Amino acid sequence: MTIARQLERLFAQTAGPQGRPVTLQEIIHRMEKRGISTMSLSYLQQLRSGQAENPRLQHLRALADAFNVPLSYFLDEGNEPTSPIEHKLTKEERTIALRVHGLSDGALSSIRAIVELARKSEQLDDPPQSSRGK
């Protein structure tokens, strides 16, 4: 997995203030607050977009600390998404998924019911129609 994909995954999974996805500036602020690295906002954007591909170890350590993941997250080869659908999620889908974090069980149940109704209305879970018996 490339550094850009790893970062994109972390940005999608890391909540910032009010439960929304964390921003580039918030990650830079975390680093500055902890005194762990001097990384510019533009360099972090280049890493995230794939324009820069070979960060120094000190930058990887700073990113790991800012995202609260072990350094091995960036160094190990086994960091592929746990499910095939995870890397297919759109930015909007990831944003919605992050926004449910922290909601009560009752609220989550209501949201799940709405999602199930939407999937049913768009026939996303119906089995394929067979031509048999027609």
N, C-alpha and C. Protein backbone atom coordinates (compact mmCIF):
# COMPACT_ATOMS: atom_id res chain seq x y z
N MET A 1 0.85 -1.18 0.00
CA MET A 1 0.00 0.00 0.00
C MET A 1 0.90 1.24 0.00
N THR A 2 0.57 2.21 -0.81
CA THR A 2 1.37 3.43 -0.90
C THR A 2 1.13 4.31 0.32
N ILE A 3 2.06 5.22 0.56
CA ILE A 3 1.91 6.19 1.65
C ILE A 3 0.62 6.99 1.45
N ALA A 4 0.34 7.38 0.21
CA ALA A 4 -0.87 8.16 -0.07
C ALA A 4 -2.12 7.37 0.34
N ARG A 5 -2.19 6.10 -0.02
CA ARG A 5 -3.36 5.28 0.35
C ARG A 5 -3.44 5.09 1.86
N GLN A 6 -2.29 4.89 2.49
CA GLN A 6 -2.28 4.74 3.95
C GLN A 6 -2.79 6.01 4.62
N LEU A 7 -2.32 7.16 4.14
CA LEU A 7 -2.77 8.42 4.71
C LEU A 7 -4.25 8.67 4.44
N GLU A 8 -4.69 8.38 3.24
CA GLU A 8 -6.10 8.57 2.92
C GLU A 8 -6.98 7.74 3.85
N ARG A 9 -6.55 6.53 4.09
CA ARG A 9 -7.28 5.64 4.99
C ARG A 9 -7.31 6.22 6.41
N LEU A 10 -6.17 6.72 6.88
CA LEU A 10 -6.13 7.31 8.22
C LEU A 10 -7.00 8.57 8.31
N PHE A 11 -6.93 9.42 7.30
CA PHE A 11 -7.76 10.62 7.31
C PHE A 11 -9.25 10.25 7.34
N ALA A 12 -9.62 9.22 6.62
CA ALA A 12 -11.03 8.81 6.57
C ALA A 12 -11.48 8.21 7.90
N GLN A 13 -10.57 7.57 8.61
CA GLN A 13 -10.93 6.86 9.83
C GLN A 13 -10.71 7.67 11.10
N THR A 14 -10.06 8.81 11.01
CA THR A 14 -9.71 9.59 12.19
C THR A 14 -10.66 10.76 12.33
N ALA A 15 -11.32 10.81 13.47
CA ALA A 15 -12.27 11.89 13.72
C ALA A 15 -11.56 13.11 14.28
N GLY A 16 -11.99 14.25 13.82
CA GLY A 16 -11.51 15.52 14.35
C GLY A 16 -12.57 16.06 15.31
N PRO A 17 -12.54 17.36 15.56
CA PRO A 17 -13.56 17.97 16.42
C PRO A 17 -14.97 17.74 15.88
N GLN A 18 -15.90 17.57 16.75
CA GLN A 18 -17.32 17.33 16.42
C GLN A 18 -17.54 16.08 15.57
N GLY A 19 -16.58 15.14 15.59
CA GLY A 19 -16.78 13.87 14.91
C GLY A 19 -16.57 13.87 13.41
N ARG A 20 -16.26 15.00 12.82
CA ARG A 20 -16.02 15.03 11.38
C ARG A 20 -14.61 14.55 11.10
N PRO A 21 -14.30 14.17 9.86
CA PRO A 21 -12.94 13.71 9.56
C PRO A 21 -11.90 14.79 9.86
N VAL A 22 -10.76 14.35 10.33
CA VAL A 22 -9.67 15.25 10.68
C VAL A 22 -9.13 15.92 9.40
N THR A 23 -8.64 17.13 9.52
CA THR A 23 -8.10 17.87 8.37
C THR A 23 -6.58 17.85 8.38
N LEU A 24 -6.00 18.24 7.26
CA LEU A 24 -4.54 18.36 7.17
C LEU A 24 -4.01 19.30 8.25
N GLN A 25 -4.66 20.45 8.40
CA GLN A 25 -4.22 21.45 9.38
C GLN A 25 -4.28 20.89 10.80
N GLU A 26 -5.30 20.10 11.11
CA GLU A 26 -5.40 19.53 12.45
C GLU A 26 -4.27 18.53 12.72
N ILE A 27 -3.86 17.77 11.71
CA ILE A 27 -2.75 16.85 11.88
C ILE A 27 -1.45 17.63 12.09
N ILE A 28 -1.23 18.68 11.31
CA ILE A 28 -0.04 19.53 11.49
C ILE A 28 -0.05 20.12 12.90
N HIS A 29 -1.21 20.57 13.35
CA HIS A 29 -1.33 21.16 14.69
C HIS A 29 -1.00 20.12 15.76
N ARG A 30 -1.47 18.89 15.60
CA ARG A 30 -1.14 17.82 16.56
C ARG A 30 0.37 17.63 16.64
N MET A 31 1.02 17.63 15.48
CA MET A 31 2.48 17.45 15.45
C MET A 31 3.18 18.61 16.16
N GLU A 32 2.75 19.83 15.86
CA GLU A 32 3.37 21.00 16.46
C GLU A 32 3.15 21.02 17.97
N LYS A 33 1.95 20.68 18.38
CA LYS A 33 1.60 20.67 19.80
C LYS A 33 2.45 19.66 20.57
N ARG A 34 2.76 18.54 19.94
CA ARG A 34 3.56 17.50 20.58
C ARG A 34 5.05 17.70 20.37
N GLY A 35 5.41 18.67 19.53
CA GLY A 35 6.81 18.96 19.27
C GLY A 35 7.56 17.82 18.61
N ILE A 36 6.87 17.09 17.75
CA ILE A 36 7.46 15.87 17.20
C ILE A 36 7.98 16.03 15.78
N SER A 37 7.60 17.06 15.08
CA SER A 37 8.08 17.21 13.71
C SER A 37 7.78 18.60 13.20
N THR A 38 8.56 19.00 12.26
CA THR A 38 8.25 20.23 11.54
C THR A 38 7.94 19.81 10.10
N MET A 39 6.69 19.57 9.85
CA MET A 39 6.23 19.19 8.52
C MET A 39 5.30 20.29 8.03
N SER A 40 5.52 20.73 6.83
CA SER A 40 4.66 21.78 6.30
C SER A 40 3.33 21.19 5.84
N LEU A 41 2.34 22.04 5.81
CA LEU A 41 1.03 21.64 5.32
C LEU A 41 1.12 21.19 3.86
N SER A 42 1.92 21.89 3.07
CA SER A 42 2.03 21.53 1.65
C SER A 42 2.70 20.17 1.48
N TYR A 43 3.70 19.84 2.32
CA TYR A 43 4.35 18.54 2.21
C TYR A 43 3.38 17.42 2.61
N LEU A 44 2.60 17.65 3.66
CA LEU A 44 1.62 16.64 4.06
C LEU A 44 0.60 16.43 2.94
N GLN A 45 0.19 17.50 2.28
CA GLN A 45 -0.73 17.39 1.15
C GLN A 45 -0.09 16.60 0.01
N GLN A 46 1.19 16.83 -0.24
CA GLN A 46 1.89 16.09 -1.29
C GLN A 46 1.98 14.59 -0.95
N LEU A 47 2.23 14.28 0.32
CA LEU A 47 2.25 12.88 0.73
C LEU A 47 0.87 12.25 0.55
N ARG A 48 -0.15 12.98 0.96
CA ARG A 48 -1.52 12.45 0.87
C ARG A 48 -1.96 12.25 -0.57
N SER A 49 -1.54 13.12 -1.46
CA SER A 49 -1.97 13.03 -2.86
C SER A 49 -1.08 12.10 -3.69
N GLY A 50 0.05 11.69 -3.12
CA GLY A 50 0.95 10.82 -3.86
C GLY A 50 2.02 11.56 -4.65
N GLN A 51 2.04 12.90 -4.58
CA GLN A 51 3.07 13.68 -5.27
C GLN A 51 4.44 13.48 -4.64
N ALA A 52 4.46 13.28 -3.32
CA ALA A 52 5.68 12.92 -2.59
C ALA A 52 5.49 11.49 -2.12
N GLU A 53 6.49 10.65 -2.34
CA GLU A 53 6.29 9.22 -2.07
C GLU A 53 7.30 8.60 -1.13
N ASN A 54 8.33 9.31 -0.72
CA ASN A 54 9.38 8.71 0.07
C ASN A 54 9.71 9.58 1.28
N PRO A 55 8.82 9.62 2.28
CA PRO A 55 9.06 10.49 3.45
C PRO A 55 10.20 9.95 4.31
N ARG A 56 10.82 10.85 5.04
CA ARG A 56 11.86 10.47 6.00
C ARG A 56 11.21 9.71 7.16
N LEU A 57 12.02 8.92 7.82
CA LEU A 57 11.54 8.16 8.97
C LEU A 57 10.98 9.08 10.04
N GLN A 58 11.60 10.25 10.26
CA GLN A 58 11.10 11.18 11.27
C GLN A 58 9.68 11.66 10.92
N HIS A 59 9.39 11.81 9.63
CA HIS A 59 8.05 12.23 9.23
C HIS A 59 7.04 11.10 9.45
N LEU A 60 7.46 9.87 9.16
CA LEU A 60 6.57 8.73 9.41
C LEU A 60 6.28 8.59 10.90
N ARG A 61 7.30 8.79 11.73
CA ARG A 61 7.09 8.73 13.19
C ARG A 61 6.11 9.82 13.63
N ALA A 62 6.28 11.01 13.08
CA ALA A 62 5.40 12.12 13.44
C ALA A 62 3.96 11.84 13.01
N LEU A 63 3.79 11.31 11.80
CA LEU A 63 2.45 10.98 11.32
C LEU A 63 1.83 9.88 12.17
N ALA A 64 2.60 8.85 12.49
CA ALA A 64 2.08 7.76 13.32
C ALA A 64 1.62 8.30 14.67
N ASP A 65 2.41 9.18 15.26
CA ASP A 65 2.03 9.76 16.55
C ASP A 65 0.78 10.63 16.42
N ALA A 66 0.73 11.45 15.39
CA ALA A 66 -0.42 12.34 15.20
C ALA A 66 -1.72 11.57 14.97
N PHE A 67 -1.63 10.41 14.31
CA PHE A 67 -2.81 9.60 14.04
C PHE A 67 -3.03 8.51 15.10
N ASN A 68 -2.15 8.47 16.09
CA ASN A 68 -2.25 7.46 17.15
C ASN A 68 -2.23 6.04 16.62
N VAL A 69 -1.32 5.78 15.69
CA VAL A 69 -1.10 4.43 15.18
C VAL A 69 0.37 4.09 15.40
N PRO A 70 0.70 2.81 15.44
CA PRO A 70 2.12 2.46 15.58
C PRO A 70 2.89 2.79 14.30
N LEU A 71 4.17 3.05 14.45
CA LEU A 71 5.01 3.33 13.29
C LEU A 71 4.93 2.19 12.29
N SER A 72 4.74 0.98 12.77
CA SER A 72 4.67 -0.19 11.88
C SER A 72 3.52 -0.07 10.87
N TYR A 73 2.53 0.76 11.16
CA TYR A 73 1.44 0.96 10.20
C TYR A 73 2.00 1.38 8.85
N PHE A 74 3.01 2.25 8.87
CA PHE A 74 3.60 2.74 7.62
C PHE A 74 4.70 1.83 7.08
N LEU A 75 5.26 1.00 7.93
CA LEU A 75 6.41 0.19 7.53
C LEU A 75 6.04 -1.24 7.15
N ASP A 76 4.97 -1.77 7.72
CA ASP A 76 4.57 -3.15 7.44
C ASP A 76 3.84 -3.24 6.11
N GLU A 77 3.99 -4.35 5.46
CA GLU A 77 3.31 -4.58 4.19
C GLU A 77 1.86 -5.03 4.39
N GLY A 78 1.49 -5.48 5.57
CA GLY A 78 0.17 -6.07 5.79
C GLY A 78 -0.91 -5.07 6.17
N ASN A 79 -0.90 -3.89 5.63
CA ASN A 79 -1.87 -2.87 6.01
C ASN A 79 -2.99 -2.70 5.00
N GLU A 80 -3.28 -3.74 4.24
CA GLU A 80 -4.38 -3.65 3.29
C GLU A 80 -5.71 -3.55 4.05
N PRO A 81 -6.73 -2.96 3.46
CA PRO A 81 -8.03 -2.88 4.11
C PRO A 81 -8.52 -4.26 4.51
N THR A 82 -9.26 -4.29 5.61
CA THR A 82 -9.71 -5.58 6.13
C THR A 82 -10.85 -6.17 5.31
N SER A 83 -11.53 -5.38 4.54
CA SER A 83 -12.59 -5.92 3.70
C SER A 83 -12.45 -5.33 2.31
N PRO A 84 -12.82 -6.12 1.29
CA PRO A 84 -12.67 -5.62 -0.08
C PRO A 84 -13.48 -4.36 -0.34
N ILE A 85 -14.57 -4.17 0.37
CA ILE A 85 -15.43 -3.01 0.14
C ILE A 85 -14.83 -1.74 0.73
N GLU A 86 -13.97 -1.88 1.76
CA GLU A 86 -13.44 -0.72 2.46
C GLU A 86 -12.73 0.25 1.53
N HIS A 87 -11.91 -0.24 0.61
CA HIS A 87 -11.18 0.67 -0.27
C HIS A 87 -12.05 1.20 -1.40
N LYS A 88 -13.26 0.69 -1.54
CA LYS A 88 -14.16 1.16 -2.59
C LYS A 88 -15.09 2.28 -2.10
N LEU A 89 -15.08 2.54 -0.79
CA LEU A 89 -15.96 3.58 -0.27
C LEU A 89 -15.60 4.94 -0.84
N THR A 90 -16.62 5.70 -1.19
CA THR A 90 -16.38 7.07 -1.66
C THR A 90 -16.09 7.96 -0.46
N LYS A 91 -15.61 9.14 -0.72
CA LYS A 91 -15.34 10.09 0.36
C LYS A 91 -16.62 10.37 1.14
N GLU A 92 -17.73 10.51 0.45
CA GLU A 92 -19.01 10.78 1.11
C GLU A 92 -19.43 9.61 2.01
N GLU A 93 -19.23 8.39 1.52
CA GLU A 93 -19.58 7.20 2.31
C GLU A 93 -18.72 7.12 3.57
N ARG A 94 -17.42 7.44 3.45
CA ARG A 94 -16.54 7.42 4.63
C ARG A 94 -16.95 8.51 5.61
N THR A 95 -17.32 9.67 5.09
CA THR A 95 -17.74 10.77 5.96
C THR A 95 -18.97 10.37 6.77
N ILE A 96 -19.93 9.75 6.11
CA ILE A 96 -21.14 9.30 6.81
C ILE A 96 -20.79 8.26 7.86
N ALA A 97 -19.93 7.33 7.51
CA ALA A 97 -19.52 6.29 8.46
C ALA A 97 -18.86 6.91 9.70
N LEU A 98 -18.02 7.92 9.50
CA LEU A 98 -17.37 8.57 10.64
C LEU A 98 -18.36 9.33 11.51
N ARG A 99 -19.38 9.91 10.91
CA ARG A 99 -20.33 10.72 11.66
C ARG A 99 -21.18 9.91 12.64
N VAL A 100 -21.28 8.61 12.46
CA VAL A 100 -22.09 7.81 13.39
C VAL A 100 -21.32 7.45 14.65
N HIS A 101 -20.01 7.65 14.63
CA HIS A 101 -19.20 7.32 15.80
C HIS A 101 -19.70 8.07 17.04
N GLY A 102 -19.92 7.35 18.11
CA GLY A 102 -20.34 7.96 19.36
C GLY A 102 -21.84 8.07 19.57
N LEU A 103 -22.62 7.73 18.57
CA LEU A 103 -24.08 7.80 18.73
C LEU A 103 -24.56 6.65 19.61
N SER A 104 -25.70 6.84 20.23
CA SER A 104 -26.28 5.81 21.09
C SER A 104 -26.73 4.62 20.27
N ASP A 105 -26.96 3.50 20.96
CA ASP A 105 -27.44 2.29 20.28
C ASP A 105 -28.79 2.55 19.61
N GLY A 106 -29.64 3.33 20.25
CA GLY A 106 -30.94 3.64 19.66
C GLY A 106 -30.81 4.44 18.37
N ALA A 107 -29.91 5.43 18.39
CA ALA A 107 -29.69 6.24 17.19
C ALA A 107 -29.09 5.38 16.08
N LEU A 108 -28.14 4.52 16.43
CA LEU A 108 -27.53 3.64 15.43
C LEU A 108 -28.57 2.69 14.83
N SER A 109 -29.48 2.20 15.66
CA SER A 109 -30.53 1.32 15.17
C SER A 109 -31.43 2.05 14.18
N SER A 110 -31.76 3.29 14.48
CA SER A 110 -32.59 4.08 13.57
C SER A 110 -31.87 4.32 12.24
N ILE A 111 -30.59 4.64 12.30
CA ILE A 111 -29.82 4.89 11.09
C ILE A 111 -29.72 3.61 10.26
N ARG A 112 -29.50 2.49 10.92
CA ARG A 112 -29.42 1.21 10.20
C ARG A 112 -30.73 0.93 9.48
N ALA A 113 -31.86 1.19 10.14
CA ALA A 113 -33.16 0.97 9.51
C ALA A 113 -33.33 1.84 8.26
N ILE A 114 -32.89 3.07 8.35
CA ILE A 114 -32.98 3.98 7.20
C ILE A 114 -32.10 3.46 6.06
N VAL A 115 -30.88 3.02 6.38
CA VAL A 115 -29.97 2.49 5.36
C VAL A 115 -30.58 1.25 4.72
N GLU A 116 -31.15 0.36 5.52
CA GLU A 116 -31.75 -0.85 4.97
C GLU A 116 -32.92 -0.52 4.04
N LEU A 117 -33.74 0.47 4.42
CA LEU A 117 -34.84 0.90 3.54
C LEU A 117 -34.31 1.47 2.22
N ALA A 118 -33.25 2.28 2.31
CA ALA A 118 -32.68 2.87 1.10
C ALA A 118 -32.09 1.77 0.20
N ARG A 119 -31.39 0.81 0.79
CA ARG A 119 -30.82 -0.28 0.00
C ARG A 119 -31.92 -1.09 -0.66
N LYS A 120 -33.02 -1.32 0.07
CA LYS A 120 -34.13 -2.08 -0.49
C LYS A 120 -34.79 -1.31 -1.64
N SER A 121 -34.99 0.00 -1.45
CA SER A 121 -35.64 0.80 -2.50
C SER A 121 -34.78 0.88 -3.76
N GLU A 122 -33.45 0.79 -3.60
CA GLU A 122 -32.55 0.82 -4.75
C GLU A 122 -32.18 -0.58 -5.22
N GLN A 123 -32.80 -1.56 -4.64
CA GLN A 123 -32.63 -2.98 -4.99
C GLN A 123 -31.17 -3.40 -4.99
N LEU A 124 -30.44 -2.96 -3.96
CA LEU A 124 -29.02 -3.30 -3.87
C LEU A 124 -28.78 -4.67 -3.26
N ASP A 125 -29.72 -5.18 -2.51
CA ASP A 125 -29.52 -6.47 -1.86
C ASP A 125 -30.39 -7.56 -2.44
N ASP A 126 -31.15 -7.26 -3.49
CA ASP A 126 -32.00 -8.29 -4.09
C ASP A 126 -31.16 -9.27 -4.88
N PRO A 127 -31.54 -10.55 -4.85
CA PRO A 127 -30.80 -11.51 -5.69
C PRO A 127 -31.06 -11.22 -7.16
N PRO A 128 -30.11 -11.59 -8.02
CA PRO A 128 -30.31 -11.35 -9.46
C PRO A 128 -31.56 -12.08 -9.97
N GLN A 129 -32.26 -11.43 -10.86
CA GLN A 129 -33.46 -12.03 -11.44
C GLN A 129 -33.04 -13.14 -12.39
N SER A 130 -33.66 -14.30 -12.24
CA SER A 130 -33.35 -15.37 -13.18
C SER A 130 -34.45 -15.41 -14.25
N SER A 131 -34.10 -15.95 -15.38
CA SER A 131 -35.06 -16.01 -16.47
C SER A 131 -35.90 -17.28 -16.39
N ARG A 132 -35.63 -18.11 -15.37
CA ARG A 132 -36.38 -19.34 -15.23
C ARG A 132 -37.79 -19.04 -14.75
N GLY A 133 -38.75 -19.80 -15.21
CA GLY A 133 -40.13 -19.69 -14.76
C GLY A 133 -40.89 -18.56 -15.39
N LYS A 134 -40.38 -17.94 -16.41
CA LYS A 134 -41.11 -16.83 -17.03
C LYS A 134 -41.83 -17.27 -18.23
